[in-house]
Every structure is written in C-alpha cells, then in structure tokens.
Amino acid sequence: MNKRNIKKEDFINRIFQEIGFSKIISENIIKDIFDIIIESIEKNGNIKISNFGTFKKKKKTQRIGRNPKTKEEKVISSRFVVQFKSSNHFKKKINS
C-alpha cells in the first residue's frame, strides 16, 4: 500500500486478499471497526487502541478567523475535533 491516501476499499481488499473472507464480510468488518471507534469517541470522549494510539475528542472554543484573500474577519463557532496521539510502539515501528 504505497498510496498517499487509503480508502475503505483498500482495507476491504487487503482483508479479502490476505485472510480470504468475502468482500461483503470484509466490508462489514471494516465498517464495524470504524463504528466502534466513532461510538466510543462520542460516548466516552476517547478510545485507546493498544500498540496503535489514542483518539481523543477535544472541544475548540469560538474564535475570530480571517479570510486570507479579503482580510475579512469572521467568527468561527465552537466545535469538537478529534486528535490522535500515536503510541510509543507505533512510533518505534515507523521509525525503524
């Protein structure tokens, strides 16, 4: 997988090729994994995946932003964002 962006379809094909599950089962597995991650973040505010990292829901406060072209100021409303912090094991893997 030497692509810059990975799509769900790439995960599905990889499971299909390496494990041998049908594409429908592979798609359901990927969908369920993403659903579990999203539900955990919504419900608990974060999810830790061992040897991979932690996804954390963080609230950003309201602030003033500027359009770089027109220099017009505009209020950016408060919102939630998801942050990812990789585990030490993950960092060691990508740096070796």
PDB file of N, CA and C in Angstrom:
ATOM      1  N   MET A   1       0.834  -1.194   0.000  1.00  0.00           N
ATOM      2  CA  MET A   1       0.000   0.000   0.000  1.00  0.00           C
ATOM      3  C   MET A   1       0.870   1.246   0.000  1.00  0.00           C
ATOM      4  N   ASN A   2       1.433   1.572  -1.123  1.00  0.00           N
ATOM      5  CA  ASN A   2       2.281   2.746  -1.225  1.00  0.00           C
ATOM      6  C   ASN A   2       1.505   3.934  -1.750  1.00  0.00           C
ATOM      7  N   LYS A   3       0.328   4.155  -1.209  1.00  0.00           N
ATOM      8  CA  LYS A   3      -0.505   5.274  -1.623  1.00  0.00           C
ATOM      9  C   LYS A   3      -0.441   6.361  -0.568  1.00  0.00           C
ATOM     10  N   ARG A   4      -0.714   7.567  -1.004  1.00  0.00           N
ATOM     11  CA  ARG A   4      -0.731   8.678  -0.072  1.00  0.00           C
ATOM     12  C   ARG A   4      -2.006   8.639   0.774  1.00  0.00           C
ATOM     13  N   ASN A   5      -3.135   8.327   0.152  1.00  0.00           N
ATOM     14  CA  ASN A   5      -4.411   8.224   0.855  1.00  0.00           C
ATOM     15  C   ASN A   5      -4.926   6.793   0.753  1.00  0.00           C
ATOM     16  N   ILE A   6      -5.444   6.287   1.855  1.00  0.00           N
ATOM     17  CA  ILE A   6      -6.005   4.940   1.872  1.00  0.00           C
ATOM     18  C   ILE A   6      -7.509   5.060   2.045  1.00  0.00           C
ATOM     19  N   LYS A   7      -8.239   4.366   1.189  1.00  0.00           N
ATOM     20  CA  LYS A   7      -9.701   4.378   1.258  1.00  0.00           C
ATOM     21  C   LYS A   7     -10.175   3.109   1.958  1.00  0.00           C
ATOM     22  N   LYS A   8     -11.436   3.119   2.373  1.00  0.00           N
ATOM     23  CA  LYS A   8     -12.001   1.922   2.993  1.00  0.00           C
ATOM     24  C   LYS A   8     -11.871   0.726   2.065  1.00  0.00           C
ATOM     25  N   GLU A   9     -12.049   0.969   0.776  1.00  0.00           N
ATOM     26  CA  GLU A   9     -11.956  -0.097  -0.217  1.00  0.00           C
ATOM     27  C   GLU A   9     -10.587  -0.784  -0.174  1.00  0.00           C
ATOM     28  N   ASP A  10      -9.532  -0.018   0.118  1.00  0.00           N
ATOM     29  CA  ASP A  10      -8.187  -0.595   0.217  1.00  0.00           C
ATOM     30  C   ASP A  10      -8.091  -1.560   1.398  1.00  0.00           C
ATOM     31  N   PHE A  11      -8.683  -1.186   2.525  1.00  0.00           N
ATOM     32  CA  PHE A  11      -8.722  -2.080   3.685  1.00  0.00           C
ATOM     33  C   PHE A  11      -9.507  -3.346   3.354  1.00  0.00           C
ATOM     34  N   ILE A  12     -10.649  -3.160   2.717  1.00  0.00           N
ATOM     35  CA  ILE A  12     -11.513  -4.292   2.369  1.00  0.00           C
ATOM     36  C   ILE A  12     -10.765  -5.261   1.454  1.00  0.00           C
ATOM     37  N   ASN A  13     -10.099  -4.733   0.433  1.00  0.00           N
ATOM     38  CA  ASN A  13      -9.352  -5.594  -0.490  1.00  0.00           C
ATOM     39  C   ASN A  13      -8.208  -6.318   0.196  1.00  0.00           C
ATOM     40  N   ARG A  14      -7.558  -5.644   1.131  1.00  0.00           N
ATOM     41  CA  ARG A  14      -6.439  -6.272   1.852  1.00  0.00           C
ATOM     42  C   ARG A  14      -6.925  -7.445   2.702  1.00  0.00           C
ATOM     43  N   ILE A  15      -8.045  -7.269   3.396  1.00  0.00           N
ATOM     44  CA  ILE A  15      -8.617  -8.363   4.189  1.00  0.00           C
ATOM     45  C   ILE A  15      -9.053  -9.498   3.263  1.00  0.00           C
ATOM     46  N   PHE A  16      -9.682  -9.150   2.159  1.00  0.00           N
ATOM     47  CA  PHE A  16     -10.133 -10.134   1.178  1.00  0.00           C
ATOM     48  C   PHE A  16      -8.955 -10.957   0.661  1.00  0.00           C
ATOM     49  N   GLN A  17      -7.842 -10.309   0.324  1.00  0.00           N
ATOM     50  CA  GLN A  17      -6.691 -10.998  -0.249  1.00  0.00           C
ATOM     51  C   GLN A  17      -5.897 -11.797   0.780  1.00  0.00           C
ATOM     52  N   GLU A  18      -5.680 -11.225   1.957  1.00  0.00           N
ATOM     53  CA  GLU A  18      -4.795 -11.865   2.927  1.00  0.00           C
ATOM     54  C   GLU A  18      -5.488 -12.884   3.814  1.00  0.00           C
ATOM     55  N   ILE A  19      -6.742 -12.650   4.160  1.00  0.00           N
ATOM     56  CA  ILE A  19      -7.445 -13.565   5.058  1.00  0.00           C
ATOM     57  C   ILE A  19      -8.371 -14.494   4.283  1.00  0.00           C
ATOM     58  N   GLY A  20      -8.919 -13.988   3.181  1.00  0.00           N
ATOM     59  CA  GLY A  20      -9.765 -14.836   2.356  1.00  0.00           C
ATOM     60  C   GLY A  20     -11.252 -14.693   2.627  1.00  0.00           C
ATOM     61  N   PHE A  21     -11.636 -13.759   3.490  1.00  0.00           N
ATOM     62  CA  PHE A  21     -13.063 -13.515   3.688  1.00  0.00           C
ATOM     63  C   PHE A  21     -13.644 -12.923   2.417  1.00  0.00           C
ATOM     64  N   SER A  22     -14.944 -13.087   2.232  1.00  0.00           N
ATOM     65  CA  SER A  22     -15.588 -12.476   1.065  1.00  0.00           C
ATOM     66  C   SER A  22     -15.527 -10.957   1.210  1.00  0.00           C
ATOM     67  N   LYS A  23     -15.748 -10.269   0.100  1.00  0.00           N
ATOM     68  CA  LYS A  23     -15.695  -8.806   0.145  1.00  0.00           C
ATOM     69  C   LYS A  23     -16.802  -8.235   1.021  1.00  0.00           C
ATOM     70  N   ILE A  24     -17.947  -8.888   1.045  1.00  0.00           N
ATOM     71  CA  ILE A  24     -19.056  -8.413   1.876  1.00  0.00           C
ATOM     72  C   ILE A  24     -18.698  -8.531   3.352  1.00  0.00           C
ATOM     73  N   ILE A  25     -18.126  -9.672   3.741  1.00  0.00           N
ATOM     74  CA  ILE A  25     -17.718  -9.860   5.140  1.00  0.00           C
ATOM     75  C   ILE A  25     -16.589  -8.889   5.481  1.00  0.00           C
ATOM     76  N   SER A  26     -15.640  -8.722   4.574  1.00  0.00           N
ATOM     77  CA  SER A  26     -14.528  -7.796   4.801  1.00  0.00           C
ATOM     78  C   SER A  26     -15.036  -6.370   4.980  1.00  0.00           C
ATOM     79  N   GLU A  27     -16.014  -5.982   4.158  1.00  0.00           N
ATOM     80  CA  GLU A  27     -16.598  -4.641   4.271  1.00  0.00           C
ATOM     81  C   GLU A  27     -17.306  -4.463   5.606  1.00  0.00           C
ATOM     82  N   ASN A  28     -18.023  -5.497   6.051  1.00  0.00           N
ATOM     83  CA  ASN A  28     -18.718  -5.436   7.351  1.00  0.00           C
ATOM     84  C   ASN A  28     -17.731  -5.324   8.507  1.00  0.00           C
ATOM     85  N   ILE A  29     -16.605  -6.014   8.400  1.00  0.00           N
ATOM     86  CA  ILE A  29     -15.581  -5.944   9.455  1.00  0.00           C
ATOM     87  C   ILE A  29     -15.047  -4.515   9.564  1.00  0.00           C
ATOM     88  N   ILE A  30     -14.672  -3.927   8.438  1.00  0.00           N
ATOM     89  CA  ILE A  30     -14.134  -2.563   8.442  1.00  0.00           C
ATOM     90  C   ILE A  30     -15.178  -1.575   8.943  1.00  0.00           C
ATOM     91  N   LYS A  31     -16.411  -1.714   8.463  1.00  0.00           N
ATOM     92  CA  LYS A  31     -17.499  -0.832   8.896  1.00  0.00           C
ATOM     93  C   LYS A  31     -17.694  -0.935  10.401  1.00  0.00           C
ATOM     94  N   ASP A  32     -17.703  -2.155  10.936  1.00  0.00           N
ATOM     95  CA  ASP A  32     -17.884  -2.358  12.373  1.00  0.00           C
ATOM     96  C   ASP A  32     -16.733  -1.759  13.184  1.00  0.00           C
ATOM     97  N   ILE A  33     -15.511  -1.897  12.707  1.00  0.00           N
ATOM     98  CA  ILE A  33     -14.354  -1.322  13.415  1.00  0.00           C
ATOM     99  C   ILE A  33     -14.485   0.193  13.489  1.00  0.00           C
ATOM    100  N   PHE A  34     -14.792   0.824  12.354  1.00  0.00           N
ATOM    101  CA  PHE A  34     -14.944   2.281  12.353  1.00  0.00           C
ATOM    102  C   PHE A  34     -16.123   2.713  13.221  1.00  0.00           C
ATOM    103  N   ASP A  35     -17.218   1.965  13.183  1.00  0.00           N
ATOM    104  CA  ASP A  35     -18.379   2.288  14.018  1.00  0.00           C
ATOM    105  C   ASP A  35     -18.038   2.214  15.503  1.00  0.00           C
ATOM    106  N   ILE A  36     -17.269   1.198  15.891  1.00  0.00           N
ATOM    107  CA  ILE A  36     -16.868   1.049  17.299  1.00  0.00           C
ATOM    108  C   ILE A  36     -16.010   2.243  17.724  1.00  0.00           C
ATOM    109  N   ILE A  37     -15.069   2.646  16.874  1.00  0.00           N
ATOM    110  CA  ILE A  37     -14.204   3.784  17.195  1.00  0.00           C
ATOM    111  C   ILE A  37     -15.040   5.055  17.343  1.00  0.00           C
ATOM    112  N   ILE A  38     -15.922   5.313  16.385  1.00  0.00           N
ATOM    113  CA  ILE A  38     -16.744   6.523  16.422  1.00  0.00           C
ATOM    114  C   ILE A  38     -17.667   6.535  17.627  1.00  0.00           C
ATOM    115  N   GLU A  39     -18.336   5.415  17.901  1.00  0.00           N
ATOM    116  CA  GLU A  39     -19.251   5.345  19.050  1.00  0.00           C
ATOM    117  C   GLU A  39     -18.507   5.556  20.362  1.00  0.00           C
ATOM    118  N   SER A  40     -17.309   4.979  20.491  1.00  0.00           N
ATOM    119  CA  SER A  40     -16.535   5.142  21.724  1.00  0.00           C
ATOM    120  C   SER A  40     -16.113   6.584  21.930  1.00  0.00           C
ATOM    121  N   ILE A  41     -15.731   7.256  20.850  1.00  0.00           N
ATOM    122  CA  ILE A  41     -15.341   8.662  20.968  1.00  0.00           C
ATOM    123  C   ILE A  41     -16.545   9.508  21.339  1.00  0.00           C
ATOM    124  N   GLU A  42     -17.700   9.249  20.711  1.00  0.00           N
ATOM    125  CA  GLU A  42     -18.918  10.001  21.029  1.00  0.00           C
ATOM    126  C   GLU A  42     -19.333   9.789  22.479  1.00  0.00           C
ATOM    127  N   LYS A  43     -19.280   8.546  22.939  1.00  0.00           N
ATOM    128  CA  LYS A  43     -19.775   8.188  24.266  1.00  0.00           C
ATOM    129  C   LYS A  43     -18.783   8.532  25.381  1.00  0.00           C
ATOM    130  N   ASN A  44     -17.514   8.182  25.197  1.00  0.00           N
ATOM    131  CA  ASN A  44     -16.523   8.306  26.269  1.00  0.00           C
ATOM    132  C   ASN A  44     -15.555   9.474  26.087  1.00  0.00           C
ATOM    133  N   GLY A  45     -15.543  10.077  24.926  1.00  0.00           N
ATOM    134  CA  GLY A  45     -14.621  11.176  24.684  1.00  0.00           C
ATOM    135  C   GLY A  45     -13.272  10.742  24.169  1.00  0.00           C
ATOM    136  N   ASN A  46     -12.954   9.449  24.280  1.00  0.00           N
ATOM    137  CA  ASN A  46     -11.695   8.953  23.729  1.00  0.00           C
ATOM    138  C   ASN A  46     -11.738   7.443  23.583  1.00  0.00           C
ATOM    139  N   ILE A  47     -10.773   6.923  22.844  1.00  0.00           N
ATOM    140  CA  ILE A  47     -10.596   5.477  22.729  1.00  0.00           C
ATOM    141  C   ILE A  47      -9.107   5.214  22.566  1.00  0.00           C
ATOM    142  N   LYS A  48      -8.618   4.239  23.328  1.00  0.00           N
ATOM    143  CA  LYS A  48      -7.215   3.854  23.251  1.00  0.00           C
ATOM    144  C   LYS A  48      -7.133   2.486  22.589  1.00  0.00           C
ATOM    145  N   ILE A  49      -6.323   2.391  21.541  1.00  0.00           N
ATOM    146  CA  ILE A  49      -6.096   1.125  20.859  1.00  0.00           C
ATOM    147  C   ILE A  49      -4.656   0.732  21.154  1.00  0.00           C
ATOM    148  N   SER A  50      -4.482  -0.367  21.879  1.00  0.00           N
ATOM    149  CA  SER A  50      -3.150  -0.789  22.308  1.00  0.00           C
ATOM    150  C   SER A  50      -2.194  -0.915  21.133  1.00  0.00           C
ATOM    151  N   ASN A  51      -0.973  -0.494  21.333  1.00  0.00           N
ATOM    152  CA  ASN A  51       0.102  -0.529  20.350  1.00  0.00           C
ATOM    153  C   ASN A  51      -0.197   0.279  19.083  1.00  0.00           C
ATOM    154  N   PHE A  52      -1.215   1.118  19.121  1.00  0.00           N
ATOM    155  CA  PHE A  52      -1.542   1.960  17.973  1.00  0.00           C
ATOM    156  C   PHE A  52      -1.600   3.418  18.396  1.00  0.00           C
ATOM    157  N   GLY A  53      -2.541   3.752  19.288  1.00  0.00           N
ATOM    158  CA  GLY A  53      -2.631   5.122  19.752  1.00  0.00           C
ATOM    159  C   GLY A  53      -3.968   5.440  20.378  1.00  0.00           C
ATOM    160  N   THR A  54      -4.184   6.724  20.656  1.00  0.00           N
ATOM    161  CA  THR A  54      -5.393   7.193  21.319  1.00  0.00           C
ATOM    162  C   THR A  54      -6.065   8.263  20.471  1.00  0.00           C
ATOM    163  N   PHE A  55      -7.367   8.080  20.259  1.00  0.00           N
ATOM    164  CA  PHE A  55      -8.197   9.098  19.617  1.00  0.00           C
ATOM    165  C   PHE A  55      -8.927   9.819  20.728  1.00  0.00           C
ATOM    166  N   LYS A  56      -8.892  11.151  20.713  1.00  0.00           N
ATOM    167  CA  LYS A  56      -9.468  11.929  21.804  1.00  0.00           C
ATOM    168  C   LYS A  56     -10.326  13.059  21.250  1.00  0.00           C
ATOM    169  N   LYS A  57     -11.529  13.202  21.795  1.00  0.00           N
ATOM    170  CA  LYS A  57     -12.428  14.283  21.407  1.00  0.00           C
ATOM    171  C   LYS A  57     -12.067  15.520  22.216  1.00  0.00           C
ATOM    172  N   LYS A  58     -11.863  16.633  21.513  1.00  0.00           N
ATOM    173  CA  LYS A  58     -11.474  17.872  22.180  1.00  0.00           C
ATOM    174  C   LYS A  58     -12.370  18.999  21.699  1.00  0.00           C
ATOM    175  N   LYS A  59     -12.797  19.860  22.622  1.00  0.00           N
ATOM    176  CA  LYS A  59     -13.641  20.999  22.268  1.00  0.00           C
ATOM    177  C   LYS A  59     -12.771  22.203  21.955  1.00  0.00           C
ATOM    178  N   LYS A  60     -13.021  22.792  20.794  1.00  0.00           N
ATOM    179  CA  LYS A  60     -12.349  24.034  20.425  1.00  0.00           C
ATOM    180  C   LYS A  60     -13.316  25.177  20.703  1.00  0.00           C
ATOM    181  N   THR A  61     -12.793  26.230  21.280  1.00  0.00           N
ATOM    182  CA  THR A  61     -13.643  27.360  21.623  1.00  0.00           C
ATOM    183  C   THR A  61     -13.865  28.264  20.411  1.00  0.00           C
ATOM    184  N   GLN A  62     -14.863  29.101  20.546  1.00  0.00           N
ATOM    185  CA  GLN A  62     -15.170  30.082  19.496  1.00  0.00           C
ATOM    186  C   GLN A  62     -14.002  31.047  19.357  1.00  0.00           C
ATOM    187  N   ARG A  63     -13.709  31.447  18.105  1.00  0.00           N
ATOM    188  CA  ARG A  63     -12.605  32.379  17.893  1.00  0.00           C
ATOM    189  C   ARG A  63     -12.866  33.201  16.631  1.00  0.00           C
ATOM    190  N   ILE A  64     -12.036  34.187  16.463  1.00  0.00           N
ATOM    191  CA  ILE A  64     -12.121  35.043  15.279  1.00  0.00           C
ATOM    192  C   ILE A  64     -11.127  34.521  14.241  1.00  0.00           C
ATOM    193  N   GLY A  65     -11.601  34.362  13.010  1.00  0.00           N
ATOM    194  CA  GLY A  65     -10.730  33.953  11.915  1.00  0.00           C
ATOM    195  C   GLY A  65     -10.754  35.013  10.831  1.00  0.00           C
ATOM    196  N   ARG A  66      -9.785  34.957   9.938  1.00  0.00           N
ATOM    197  CA  ARG A  66      -9.723  35.935   8.848  1.00  0.00           C
ATOM    198  C   ARG A  66      -9.624  35.225   7.515  1.00  0.00           C
ATOM    199  N   ASN A  67     -10.366  35.730   6.533  1.00  0.00           N
ATOM    200  CA  ASN A  67     -10.249  35.265   5.166  1.00  0.00           C
ATOM    201  C   ASN A  67      -8.921  35.799   4.639  1.00  0.00           C
ATOM    202  N   PRO A  68      -7.995  34.920   4.228  1.00  0.00           N
ATOM    203  CA  PRO A  68      -6.675  35.400   3.803  1.00  0.00           C
ATOM    204  C   PRO A  68      -6.709  36.289   2.556  1.00  0.00           C
ATOM    205  N   LYS A  69      -7.713  36.100   1.704  1.00  0.00           N
ATOM    206  CA  LYS A  69      -7.800  36.913   0.491  1.00  0.00           C
ATOM    207  C   LYS A  69      -8.345  38.306   0.775  1.00  0.00           C
ATOM    208  N   THR A  70      -9.494  38.349   1.464  1.00  0.00           N
ATOM    209  CA  THR A  70     -10.184  39.629   1.679  1.00  0.00           C
ATOM    210  C   THR A  70      -9.844  40.280   3.010  1.00  0.00           C
ATOM    211  N   LYS A  71      -9.180  39.560   3.890  1.00  0.00           N
ATOM    212  CA  LYS A  71      -8.840  40.023   5.243  1.00  0.00           C
ATOM    213  C   LYS A  71     -10.085  40.277   6.096  1.00  0.00           C
ATOM    214  N   GLU A  72     -11.227  39.766   5.639  1.00  0.00           N
ATOM    215  CA  GLU A  72     -12.485  39.933   6.379  1.00  0.00           C
ATOM    216  C   GLU A  72     -12.476  39.016   7.606  1.00  0.00           C
ATOM    217  N   GLU A  73     -12.842  39.565   8.751  1.00  0.00           N
ATOM    218  CA  GLU A  73     -12.907  38.780   9.984  1.00  0.00           C
ATOM    219  C   GLU A  73     -14.255  38.083  10.071  1.00  0.00           C
ATOM    220  N   LYS A  74     -14.222  36.883  10.623  1.00  0.00           N
ATOM    221  CA  LYS A  74     -15.442  36.102  10.759  1.00  0.00           C
ATOM    222  C   LYS A  74     -15.331  35.256  12.019  1.00  0.00           C
ATOM    223  N   VAL A  75     -16.451  35.026  12.677  1.00  0.00           N
ATOM    224  CA  VAL A  75     -16.465  34.214  13.890  1.00  0.00           C
ATOM    225  C   VAL A  75     -16.492  32.737  13.494  1.00  0.00           C
ATOM    226  N   ILE A  76     -15.550  31.978  14.033  1.00  0.00           N
ATOM    227  CA  ILE A  76     -15.534  30.528  13.851  1.00  0.00           C
ATOM    228  C   ILE A  76     -16.164  29.941  15.103  1.00  0.00           C
ATOM    229  N   SER A  77     -17.267  29.238  14.929  1.00  0.00           N
ATOM    230  CA  SER A  77     -18.020  28.727  16.074  1.00  0.00           C
ATOM    231  C   SER A  77     -17.252  27.640  16.814  1.00  0.00           C
ATOM    232  N   SER A  78     -17.643  27.409  18.070  1.00  0.00           N
ATOM    233  CA  SER A  78     -17.016  26.344  18.849  1.00  0.00           C
ATOM    234  C   SER A  78     -17.439  25.007  18.261  1.00  0.00           C
ATOM    235  N   ARG A  79     -16.559  24.021  18.378  1.00  0.00           N
ATOM    236  CA  ARG A  79     -16.844  22.720  17.799  1.00  0.00           C
ATOM    237  C   ARG A  79     -15.950  21.675  18.443  1.00  0.00           C
ATOM    238  N   PHE A  80     -16.262  20.423  18.159  1.00  0.00           N
ATOM    239  CA  PHE A  80     -15.435  19.321  18.629  1.00  0.00           C
ATOM    240  C   PHE A  80     -14.544  18.846  17.491  1.00  0.00           C
ATOM    241  N   VAL A  81     -13.307  18.482  17.825  1.00  0.00           N
ATOM    242  CA  VAL A  81     -12.377  17.893  16.871  1.00  0.00           C
ATOM    243  C   VAL A  81     -11.827  16.612  17.480  1.00  0.00           C
ATOM    244  N   VAL A  82     -11.281  15.750  16.650  1.00  0.00           N
ATOM    245  CA  VAL A  82     -10.679  14.508  17.139  1.00  0.00           C
ATOM    246  C   VAL A  82      -9.174  14.610  16.946  1.00  0.00           C
ATOM    247  N   GLN A  83      -8.455  14.367  18.037  1.00  0.00           N
ATOM    248  CA  GLN A  83      -6.999  14.367  17.996  1.00  0.00           C
ATOM    249  C   GLN A  83      -6.512  12.927  18.074  1.00  0.00           C
ATOM    250  N   PHE A  84      -5.382  12.659  17.462  1.00  0.00           N
ATOM    251  CA  PHE A  84      -4.778  11.329  17.533  1.00  0.00           C
ATOM    252  C   PHE A  84      -3.372  11.457  18.087  1.00  0.00           C
ATOM    253  N   LYS A  85      -3.059  10.621  19.078  1.00  0.00           N
ATOM    254  CA  LYS A  85      -1.705  10.562  19.629  1.00  0.00           C
ATOM    255  C   LYS A  85      -1.235   9.126  19.484  1.00  0.00           C
ATOM    256  N   SER A  86      -0.163   8.944  18.737  1.00  0.00           N
ATOM    257  CA  SER A  86       0.328   7.592  18.486  1.00  0.00           C
ATOM    258  C   SER A  86       1.021   7.026  19.721  1.00  0.00           C
ATOM    259  N   SER A  87       0.970   5.703  19.843  1.00  0.00           N
ATOM    260  CA  SER A  87       1.624   5.029  20.968  1.00  0.00           C
ATOM    261  C   SER A  87       3.122   4.947  20.712  1.00  0.00           C
ATOM    262  N   ASN A  88       3.887   4.677  21.754  1.00  0.00           N
ATOM    263  CA  ASN A  88       5.336   4.533  21.612  1.00  0.00           C
ATOM    264  C   ASN A  88       5.677   3.359  20.699  1.00  0.00           C
ATOM    265  N   HIS A  89       4.905   2.266  20.817  1.00  0.00           N
ATOM    266  CA  HIS A  89       5.126   1.096  19.960  1.00  0.00           C
ATOM    267  C   HIS A  89       4.954   1.471  18.486  1.00  0.00           C
ATOM    268  N   PHE A  90       3.918   2.233  18.186  1.00  0.00           N
ATOM    269  CA  PHE A  90       3.645   2.696  16.820  1.00  0.00           C
ATOM    270  C   PHE A  90       4.783   3.577  16.308  1.00  0.00           C
ATOM    271  N   LYS A  91       5.247   4.496  17.167  1.00  0.00           N
ATOM    272  CA  LYS A  91       6.352   5.385  16.793  1.00  0.00           C
ATOM    273  C   LYS A  91       7.623   4.608  16.501  1.00  0.00           C
ATOM    274  N   LYS A  92       7.905   3.612  17.338  1.00  0.00           N
ATOM    275  CA  LYS A  92       9.110   2.799  17.126  1.00  0.00           C
ATOM    276  C   LYS A  92       9.022   2.033  15.808  1.00  0.00           C
ATOM    277  N   LYS A  93       7.844   1.512  15.493  1.00  0.00           N
ATOM    278  CA  LYS A  93       7.648   0.752  14.251  1.00  0.00           C
ATOM    279  C   LYS A  93       7.914   1.610  13.017  1.00  0.00           C
ATOM    280  N   ILE A  94       7.371   2.823  13.003  1.00  0.00           N
ATOM    281  CA  ILE A  94       7.540   3.652  11.808  1.00  0.00           C
ATOM    282  C   ILE A  94       8.933   4.272  11.720  1.00  0.00           C
ATOM    283  N   ASN A  95       9.663   4.301  12.835  1.00  0.00           N
ATOM    284  CA  ASN A  95      10.997   4.885  12.813  1.00  0.00           C
ATOM    285  C   ASN A  95      12.105   3.840  12.679  1.00  0.00           C
ATOM    286  N   SER A  96      11.736   2.570  12.587  1.00  0.00           N
ATOM    287  CA  SER A  96      12.785   1.536  12.467  1.00  0.00           C
ATOM    288  C   SER A  96      12.970   1.104  11.031  1.00  0.00           C
TER     289      SER A  96
END
